[in-house]
Amino acid sequence: MKSAIQFGSKQIDFHLEHSNRKTLGITVKPDLSVLVKAPVDTPLEKIEEKLRKKASWIIRQQSFFLTFHPKTPAKNFVGGETHLYLGRQYRLSIVQTKPESVKLKGRIIEVATIDKLRVRQLVNDWYLSNARTRFKSIAQPIIDRFKIYEVGPSSIVLREMPTRWGSCTPKGKIILNPELIKAPKSCIEYVIIHELCHLVHHDHTQKFIDLQTKEMQDWEKWKMKLEKLLA
């Protein structure tokens, strides 16, 4: 059952499930959806009252997860267009020649190709290649640091995710969105630290926040930077 409550000027939509449980539970998912599980026969009024009491927390959780939602505007991949790489803007230059290549030249991303329809694919392949190399070099010192907590990722993989910057599986696999290569190094470090903290504390408890702050004191700064930069 889908429903909603009003909290100030904000509407909070939620999905309600009834089950044979004794307490009412509220979960905010990474996709920003709100799931409410309630005991059978719990009046809707009581559920809505509980949601209003927890509304501030729900909004904070949604804002937190929103950090990991890529919002990079669509690009046309034409000459003169600007593209981000490690937090800096570069101008795209297309040179009609062989062999095909993508190179950084000062503040220019130079794409060499006879076929202009290939530019998008060539640039995206270049981003992915750089993400594989850069993420590994950025992550390794952080992984070494986390060994004091007796944790480590089973692997780090890249995967396009439309609504998240990173995630961590129950078996310890850390998944990073290759789009992060467009953000500053410290933003990438923040996402990696965030996911490594999940190997120690699975939920976003105060202990999780304390550990994240210990490992990156200014994480909120880079969280905001990531959210605004690719908005």
C-alpha atoms as a PDB file:
ATOM      1  CA  MET A   1       0.000   0.000   0.000  1.00  0.00           C
ATOM      2  CA  LYS A   2       1.328   3.422  -0.970  1.00  0.00           C
ATOM      3  CA  SER A   3       0.537   6.526   1.038  1.00  0.00           C
ATOM      4  CA  ALA A   4       2.037   9.841   2.116  1.00  0.00           C
ATOM      5  CA  ILE A   5       2.181  12.362   4.949  1.00  0.00           C
ATOM      6  CA  GLN A   6       2.798  16.073   4.880  1.00  0.00           C
ATOM      7  CA  PHE A   7       5.645  17.454   6.994  1.00  0.00           C
ATOM      8  CA  GLY A   8       5.820  21.207   6.663  1.00  0.00           C
ATOM      9  CA  SER A   9       6.211  21.936   2.965  1.00  0.00           C
ATOM     10  CA  LYS A  10       7.577  18.465   2.236  1.00  0.00           C
ATOM     11  CA  GLN A  11       5.578  15.393   1.310  1.00  0.00           C
ATOM     12  CA  ILE A  12       6.959  12.066   2.497  1.00  0.00           C
ATOM     13  CA  ASP A  13       5.766   9.152   0.382  1.00  0.00           C
ATOM     14  CA  PHE A  14       5.939   5.699   1.910  1.00  0.00           C
ATOM     15  CA  HIS A  15       5.119   2.091   1.160  1.00  0.00           C
ATOM     16  CA  LEU A  16       3.227   0.281   3.911  1.00  0.00           C
ATOM     17  CA  GLU A  17       3.446  -3.447   4.587  1.00  0.00           C
ATOM     18  CA  HIS A  18       1.552  -5.286   7.330  1.00  0.00           C
ATOM     19  CA  SER A  19       2.992  -8.450   8.843  1.00  0.00           C
ATOM     20  CA  ASN A  20       2.938 -10.595  11.969  1.00  0.00           C
ATOM     21  CA  ARG A  21       5.350  -8.428  13.918  1.00  0.00           C
ATOM     22  CA  LYS A  22       5.060  -6.685  17.270  1.00  0.00           C
ATOM     23  CA  THR A  23       6.639  -3.320  16.495  1.00  0.00           C
ATOM     24  CA  LEU A  24       6.464  -0.712  13.767  1.00  0.00           C
ATOM     25  CA  GLY A  25       9.640  -0.315  11.686  1.00  0.00           C
ATOM     26  CA  ILE A  26      10.655   2.486   9.313  1.00  0.00           C
ATOM     27  CA  THR A  27      13.408   2.021   6.730  1.00  0.00           C
ATOM     28  CA  VAL A  28      14.825   4.620   4.341  1.00  0.00           C
ATOM     29  CA  LYS A  29      16.359   2.896   1.322  1.00  0.00           C
ATOM     30  CA  PRO A  30      19.272   4.144  -0.808  1.00  0.00           C
ATOM     31  CA  ASP A  31      16.830   4.969  -3.627  1.00  0.00           C
ATOM     32  CA  LEU A  32      15.183   7.414  -1.126  1.00  0.00           C
ATOM     33  CA  SER A  33      12.022   5.333  -0.797  1.00  0.00           C
ATOM     34  CA  VAL A  34      10.499   4.834   2.654  1.00  0.00           C
ATOM     35  CA  LEU A  35       9.279   1.411   3.737  1.00  0.00           C
ATOM     36  CA  VAL A  36       7.041   1.043   6.787  1.00  0.00           C
ATOM     37  CA  LYS A  37       6.409  -2.390   8.279  1.00  0.00           C
ATOM     38  CA  ALA A  38       3.612  -2.473  10.825  1.00  0.00           C
ATOM     39  CA  PRO A  39       1.805  -5.098  12.887  1.00  0.00           C
ATOM     40  CA  VAL A  40      -1.467  -6.342  11.422  1.00  0.00           C
ATOM     41  CA  ASP A  41      -4.466  -4.137  12.293  1.00  0.00           C
ATOM     42  CA  THR A  42      -2.342  -1.097  13.193  1.00  0.00           C
ATOM     43  CA  PRO A  43      -4.512   1.974  12.481  1.00  0.00           C
ATOM     44  CA  LEU A  44      -3.235   4.186   9.652  1.00  0.00           C
ATOM     45  CA  GLU A  45      -3.547   7.197  11.973  1.00  0.00           C
ATOM     46  CA  LYS A  46      -1.065   5.644  14.404  1.00  0.00           C
ATOM     47  CA  ILE A  47       1.358   4.861  11.558  1.00  0.00           C
ATOM     48  CA  GLU A  48       1.147   8.427  10.237  1.00  0.00           C
ATOM     49  CA  GLU A  49       1.687   9.799  13.745  1.00  0.00           C
ATOM     50  CA  LYS A  50       4.859   7.711  14.080  1.00  0.00           C
ATOM     51  CA  LEU A  51       6.054   8.882  10.680  1.00  0.00           C
ATOM     52  CA  ARG A  52       5.580  12.531  11.635  1.00  0.00           C
ATOM     53  CA  LYS A  53       7.621  11.984  14.786  1.00  0.00           C
ATOM     54  CA  LYS A  54      10.389  10.424  12.681  1.00  0.00           C
ATOM     55  CA  ALA A  55      10.029  12.851   9.741  1.00  0.00           C
ATOM     56  CA  SER A  56      13.178  14.844  10.521  1.00  0.00           C
ATOM     57  CA  TRP A  57      15.219  11.640  10.680  1.00  0.00           C
ATOM     58  CA  ILE A  58      13.663  10.369   7.430  1.00  0.00           C
ATOM     59  CA  ILE A  59      14.558  13.606   5.619  1.00  0.00           C
ATOM     60  CA  ARG A  60      18.116  13.495   6.987  1.00  0.00           C
ATOM     61  CA  GLN A  61      18.511   9.918   5.768  1.00  0.00           C
ATOM     62  CA  GLN A  62      17.172  10.816   2.325  1.00  0.00           C
ATOM     63  CA  SER A  63      19.569  13.769   2.147  1.00  0.00           C
ATOM     64  CA  PHE A  64      22.413  11.472   3.164  1.00  0.00           C
ATOM     65  CA  PHE A  65      21.632   8.933   0.451  1.00  0.00           C
ATOM     66  CA  LEU A  66      21.108  11.731  -2.070  1.00  0.00           C
ATOM     67  CA  THR A  67      24.867  12.309  -1.888  1.00  0.00           C
ATOM     68  CA  PHE A  68      25.342   9.058  -3.750  1.00  0.00           C
ATOM     69  CA  HIS A  69      22.917   9.867  -6.550  1.00  0.00           C
ATOM     70  CA  PRO A  70      24.796  10.897  -9.687  1.00  0.00           C
ATOM     71  CA  LYS A  71      23.291  13.995 -11.256  1.00  0.00           C
ATOM     72  CA  THR A  72      25.756  14.731 -14.046  1.00  0.00           C
ATOM     73  CA  PRO A  73      23.923  16.602 -16.813  1.00  0.00           C
ATOM     74  CA  ALA A  74      23.713  14.923 -20.210  1.00  0.00           C
ATOM     75  CA  LYS A  75      26.487  15.902 -22.603  1.00  0.00           C
ATOM     76  CA  ASN A  76      26.418  16.220 -26.386  1.00  0.00           C
ATOM     77  CA  PHE A  77      30.137  15.423 -26.893  1.00  0.00           C
ATOM     78  CA  VAL A  78      30.763  18.245 -29.341  1.00  0.00           C
ATOM     79  CA  GLY A  79      33.809  20.465 -29.718  1.00  0.00           C
ATOM     80  CA  GLY A  80      34.053  23.286 -27.162  1.00  0.00           C
ATOM     81  CA  GLU A  81      31.886  21.509 -24.587  1.00  0.00           C
ATOM     82  CA  THR A  82      33.296  21.284 -21.052  1.00  0.00           C
ATOM     83  CA  HIS A  83      33.756  17.988 -19.238  1.00  0.00           C
ATOM     84  CA  LEU A  84      34.819  17.232 -15.666  1.00  0.00           C
ATOM     85  CA  TYR A  85      37.824  15.101 -14.792  1.00  0.00           C
ATOM     86  CA  LEU A  86      38.998  14.745 -11.167  1.00  0.00           C
ATOM     87  CA  GLY A  87      37.065  17.863 -10.229  1.00  0.00           C
ATOM     88  CA  ARG A  88      38.438  20.164 -12.926  1.00  0.00           C
ATOM     89  CA  GLN A  89      36.743  21.396 -16.096  1.00  0.00           C
ATOM     90  CA  TYR A  90      38.323  20.531 -19.446  1.00  0.00           C
ATOM     91  CA  ARG A  91      37.284  21.679 -22.898  1.00  0.00           C
ATOM     92  CA  LEU A  92      36.585  18.995 -25.489  1.00  0.00           C
ATOM     93  CA  SER A  93      38.533  19.276 -28.720  1.00  0.00           C
ATOM     94  CA  ILE A  94      37.819  16.952 -31.659  1.00  0.00           C
ATOM     95  CA  VAL A  95      40.543  16.345 -34.225  1.00  0.00           C
ATOM     96  CA  GLN A  96      39.528  14.415 -37.340  1.00  0.00           C
ATOM     97  CA  THR A  97      42.509  12.140 -37.800  1.00  0.00           C
ATOM     98  CA  LYS A  98      43.800   8.606 -37.255  1.00  0.00           C
ATOM     99  CA  PRO A  99      44.562   6.664 -35.118  1.00  0.00           C
ATOM    100  CA  GLU A 100      41.757   7.091 -32.592  1.00  0.00           C
ATOM    101  CA  SER A 101      42.858   8.397 -29.193  1.00  0.00           C
ATOM    102  CA  VAL A 102      41.857  10.503 -26.203  1.00  0.00           C
ATOM    103  CA  LYS A 103      44.520  12.617 -24.498  1.00  0.00           C
ATOM    104  CA  LEU A 104      44.741  15.352 -21.902  1.00  0.00           C
ATOM    105  CA  LYS A 105      46.566  18.388 -23.240  1.00  0.00           C
ATOM    106  CA  GLY A 106      46.642  21.142 -20.659  1.00  0.00           C
ATOM    107  CA  ARG A 107      42.998  21.987 -19.960  1.00  0.00           C
ATOM    108  CA  ILE A 108      41.809  20.208 -23.103  1.00  0.00           C
ATOM    109  CA  ILE A 109      40.534  16.672 -23.666  1.00  0.00           C
ATOM    110  CA  GLU A 110      41.621  16.002 -27.231  1.00  0.00           C
ATOM    111  CA  VAL A 111      39.751  13.282 -29.108  1.00  0.00           C
ATOM    112  CA  ALA A 112      41.202  12.026 -32.361  1.00  0.00           C
ATOM    113  CA  THR A 113      38.770  10.220 -34.660  1.00  0.00           C
ATOM    114  CA  ILE A 114      37.548  10.322 -38.250  1.00  0.00           C
ATOM    115  CA  ASP A 115      33.975   9.583 -37.149  1.00  0.00           C
ATOM    116  CA  LYS A 116      32.441  12.249 -34.890  1.00  0.00           C
ATOM    117  CA  LEU A 117      29.758   9.755 -33.884  1.00  0.00           C
ATOM    118  CA  ARG A 118      32.520   7.839 -32.090  1.00  0.00           C
ATOM    119  CA  VAL A 119      33.434  10.713 -29.754  1.00  0.00           C
ATOM    120  CA  ARG A 120      30.963   9.793 -26.993  1.00  0.00           C
ATOM    121  CA  GLN A 121      32.142   6.173 -26.854  1.00  0.00           C
ATOM    122  CA  LEU A 122      35.826   7.107 -26.989  1.00  0.00           C
ATOM    123  CA  VAL A 123      35.506   9.620 -24.143  1.00  0.00           C
ATOM    124  CA  ASN A 124      33.459   7.241 -22.012  1.00  0.00           C
ATOM    125  CA  ASP A 125      36.019   4.472 -22.584  1.00  0.00           C
ATOM    126  CA  TRP A 126      38.774   6.921 -21.594  1.00  0.00           C
ATOM    127  CA  TYR A 127      36.921   7.824 -18.396  1.00  0.00           C
ATOM    128  CA  LEU A 128      36.468   4.134 -17.543  1.00  0.00           C
ATOM    129  CA  SER A 129      40.112   3.311 -18.182  1.00  0.00           C
ATOM    130  CA  ASN A 130      41.263   6.172 -15.965  1.00  0.00           C
ATOM    131  CA  ALA A 131      38.742   5.228 -13.270  1.00  0.00           C
ATOM    132  CA  ARG A 132      40.160   1.696 -13.077  1.00  0.00           C
ATOM    133  CA  THR A 133      43.688   2.997 -12.606  1.00  0.00           C
ATOM    134  CA  ARG A 134      42.973   5.982 -10.367  1.00  0.00           C
ATOM    135  CA  PHE A 135      40.483   4.293  -8.046  1.00  0.00           C
ATOM    136  CA  LYS A 136      42.948   1.494  -7.355  1.00  0.00           C
ATOM    137  CA  SER A 137      45.774   3.894  -6.466  1.00  0.00           C
ATOM    138  CA  ILE A 138      43.481   6.066  -4.334  1.00  0.00           C
ATOM    139  CA  ALA A 139      41.901   3.127  -2.528  1.00  0.00           C
ATOM    140  CA  GLN A 140      45.011   1.125  -1.605  1.00  0.00           C
ATOM    141  CA  PRO A 141      46.405   3.461   1.107  1.00  0.00           C
ATOM    142  CA  ILE A 142      42.936   3.694   2.662  1.00  0.00           C
ATOM    143  CA  ILE A 143      42.496  -0.086   2.576  1.00  0.00           C
ATOM    144  CA  ASP A 144      45.875  -0.443   4.307  1.00  0.00           C
ATOM    145  CA  ARG A 145      44.721   1.995   7.000  1.00  0.00           C
ATOM    146  CA  PHE A 146      41.568  -0.025   7.647  1.00  0.00           C
ATOM    147  CA  LYS A 147      43.570  -3.166   8.389  1.00  0.00           C
ATOM    148  CA  ILE A 148      43.721  -2.039  12.037  1.00  0.00           C
ATOM    149  CA  TYR A 149      39.975  -2.804  12.172  1.00  0.00           C
ATOM    150  CA  GLU A 150      40.682  -6.284  10.774  1.00  0.00           C
ATOM    151  CA  VAL A 151      38.586  -5.650   7.687  1.00  0.00           C
ATOM    152  CA  GLY A 152      39.292  -5.378   4.000  1.00  0.00           C
ATOM    153  CA  PRO A 153      37.288  -5.541   0.783  1.00  0.00           C
ATOM    154  CA  SER A 154      37.044  -8.889  -0.984  1.00  0.00           C
ATOM    155  CA  SER A 155      37.340  -6.886  -4.207  1.00  0.00           C
ATOM    156  CA  ILE A 156      36.722  -3.456  -5.681  1.00  0.00           C
ATOM    157  CA  VAL A 157      34.759  -3.354  -8.920  1.00  0.00           C
ATOM    158  CA  LEU A 158      33.398  -0.622 -11.149  1.00  0.00           C
ATOM    159  CA  ARG A 159      29.771  -0.658 -12.154  1.00  0.00           C
ATOM    160  CA  GLU A 160      27.484   1.975 -13.613  1.00  0.00           C
ATOM    161  CA  MET A 161      24.787   2.726 -11.049  1.00  0.00           C
ATOM    162  CA  PRO A 162      22.103   5.278 -11.930  1.00  0.00           C
ATOM    163  CA  THR A 163      21.297   6.157  -8.309  1.00  0.00           C
ATOM    164  CA  ARG A 164      24.455   5.546  -6.271  1.00  0.00           C
ATOM    165  CA  TRP A 165      28.117   6.514  -6.107  1.00  0.00           C
ATOM    166  CA  GLY A 166      29.142   3.382  -4.253  1.00  0.00           C
ATOM    167  CA  SER A 167      27.889   0.338  -2.388  1.00  0.00           C
ATOM    168  CA  CYS A 168      29.162  -2.553  -0.305  1.00  0.00           C
ATOM    169  CA  THR A 169      27.852  -6.110  -0.510  1.00  0.00           C
ATOM    170  CA  PRO A 170      27.403  -8.360   2.550  1.00  0.00           C
ATOM    171  CA  LYS A 171      30.434 -10.364   1.369  1.00  0.00           C
ATOM    172  CA  GLY A 172      32.658  -7.300   1.353  1.00  0.00           C
ATOM    173  CA  LYS A 173      32.726  -6.401  -2.332  1.00  0.00           C
ATOM    174  CA  ILE A 174      32.977  -2.642  -2.798  1.00  0.00           C
ATOM    175  CA  ILE A 175      31.310  -1.315  -5.930  1.00  0.00           C
ATOM    176  CA  LEU A 176      32.227   2.141  -7.229  1.00  0.00           C
ATOM    177  CA  ASN A 177      30.463   4.147  -9.900  1.00  0.00           C
ATOM    178  CA  PRO A 178      32.990   5.056 -12.636  1.00  0.00           C
ATOM    179  CA  GLU A 179      31.315   8.484 -12.839  1.00  0.00           C
ATOM    180  CA  LEU A 180      33.253   9.326  -9.661  1.00  0.00           C
ATOM    181  CA  ILE A 181      36.308   9.913 -11.873  1.00  0.00           C
ATOM    182  CA  LYS A 182      34.761  13.303 -12.630  1.00  0.00           C
ATOM    183  CA  ALA A 183      34.920  14.342  -8.957  1.00  0.00           C
ATOM    184  CA  PRO A 184      37.925  15.598  -6.940  1.00  0.00           C
ATOM    185  CA  LYS A 185      40.228  13.022  -5.391  1.00  0.00           C
ATOM    186  CA  SER A 186      38.940  13.789  -1.874  1.00  0.00           C
ATOM    187  CA  CYS A 187      35.364  13.052  -2.972  1.00  0.00           C
ATOM    188  CA  ILE A 188      36.518   9.668  -4.255  1.00  0.00           C
ATOM    189  CA  GLU A 189      38.335   9.056  -0.969  1.00  0.00           C
ATOM    190  CA  TYR A 190      35.159   9.937   0.928  1.00  0.00           C
ATOM    191  CA  VAL A 191      33.083   7.365  -0.965  1.00  0.00           C
ATOM    192  CA  ILE A 192      35.739   4.684  -0.477  1.00  0.00           C
ATOM    193  CA  ILE A 193      36.015   5.445   3.240  1.00  0.00           C
ATOM    194  CA  HIS A 194      32.239   5.401   3.554  1.00  0.00           C
ATOM    195  CA  GLU A 195      32.022   1.937   2.017  1.00  0.00           C
ATOM    196  CA  LEU A 196      34.967   0.607   4.057  1.00  0.00           C
ATOM    197  CA  CYS A 197      33.258   1.834   7.223  1.00  0.00           C
ATOM    198  CA  HIS A 198      30.371  -0.451   6.272  1.00  0.00           C
ATOM    199  CA  LEU A 199      32.709  -3.408   6.665  1.00  0.00           C
ATOM    200  CA  VAL A 200      33.006  -2.431  10.338  1.00  0.00           C
ATOM    201  CA  HIS A 201      29.496  -1.101  10.993  1.00  0.00           C
ATOM    202  CA  HIS A 202      26.817  -2.265   8.562  1.00  0.00           C
ATOM    203  CA  ASP A 203      24.217   0.399   9.352  1.00  0.00           C
ATOM    204  CA  HIS A 204      24.405   4.182   9.576  1.00  0.00           C
ATOM    205  CA  THR A 205      24.605   4.196  13.368  1.00  0.00           C
ATOM    206  CA  GLN A 206      26.435   6.755  15.496  1.00  0.00           C
ATOM    207  CA  LYS A 207      29.365   4.336  15.672  1.00  0.00           C
ATOM    208  CA  PHE A 208      29.475   4.341  11.872  1.00  0.00           C
ATOM    209  CA  ILE A 209      29.494   8.166  11.771  1.00  0.00           C
ATOM    210  CA  ASP A 210      32.165   8.304  14.495  1.00  0.00           C
ATOM    211  CA  LEU A 211      34.420   5.935  12.550  1.00  0.00           C
ATOM    212  CA  GLN A 212      33.898   7.840   9.314  1.00  0.00           C
ATOM    213  CA  THR A 213      34.777  11.086  11.118  1.00  0.00           C
ATOM    214  CA  LYS A 214      37.871   9.488  12.641  1.00  0.00           C
ATOM    215  CA  GLU A 215      39.093   8.392   9.222  1.00  0.00           C
ATOM    216  CA  MET A 216      38.117  11.628   7.433  1.00  0.00           C
ATOM    217  CA  GLN A 217      37.433  14.567   9.715  1.00  0.00           C
ATOM    218  CA  ASP A 218      36.156  16.822   6.920  1.00  0.00           C
ATOM    219  CA  TRP A 219      33.997  14.174   5.205  1.00  0.00           C
ATOM    220  CA  GLU A 220      30.934  16.440   5.323  1.00  0.00           C
ATOM    221  CA  LYS A 221      32.782  19.025   3.247  1.00  0.00           C
ATOM    222  CA  TRP A 222      33.521  16.477   0.510  1.00  0.00           C
ATOM    223  CA  LYS A 223      30.051  14.988   0.770  1.00  0.00           C
ATOM    224  CA  MET A 224      28.618  18.435  -0.009  1.00  0.00           C
ATOM    225  CA  LYS A 225      31.203  19.036  -2.714  1.00  0.00           C
ATOM    226  CA  LEU A 226      30.265  15.773  -4.420  1.00  0.00           C
ATOM    227  CA  GLU A 227      26.577  16.587  -4.182  1.00  0.00           C
ATOM    228  CA  LYS A 228      26.975  20.086  -5.635  1.00  0.00           C
ATOM    229  CA  LEU A 229      29.714  19.476  -8.178  1.00  0.00           C
ATOM    230  CA  LEU A 230      27.829  16.903 -10.216  1.00  0.00           C
ATOM    231  CA  ALA A 231      24.383  18.413  -9.657  1.00  0.00           C
END
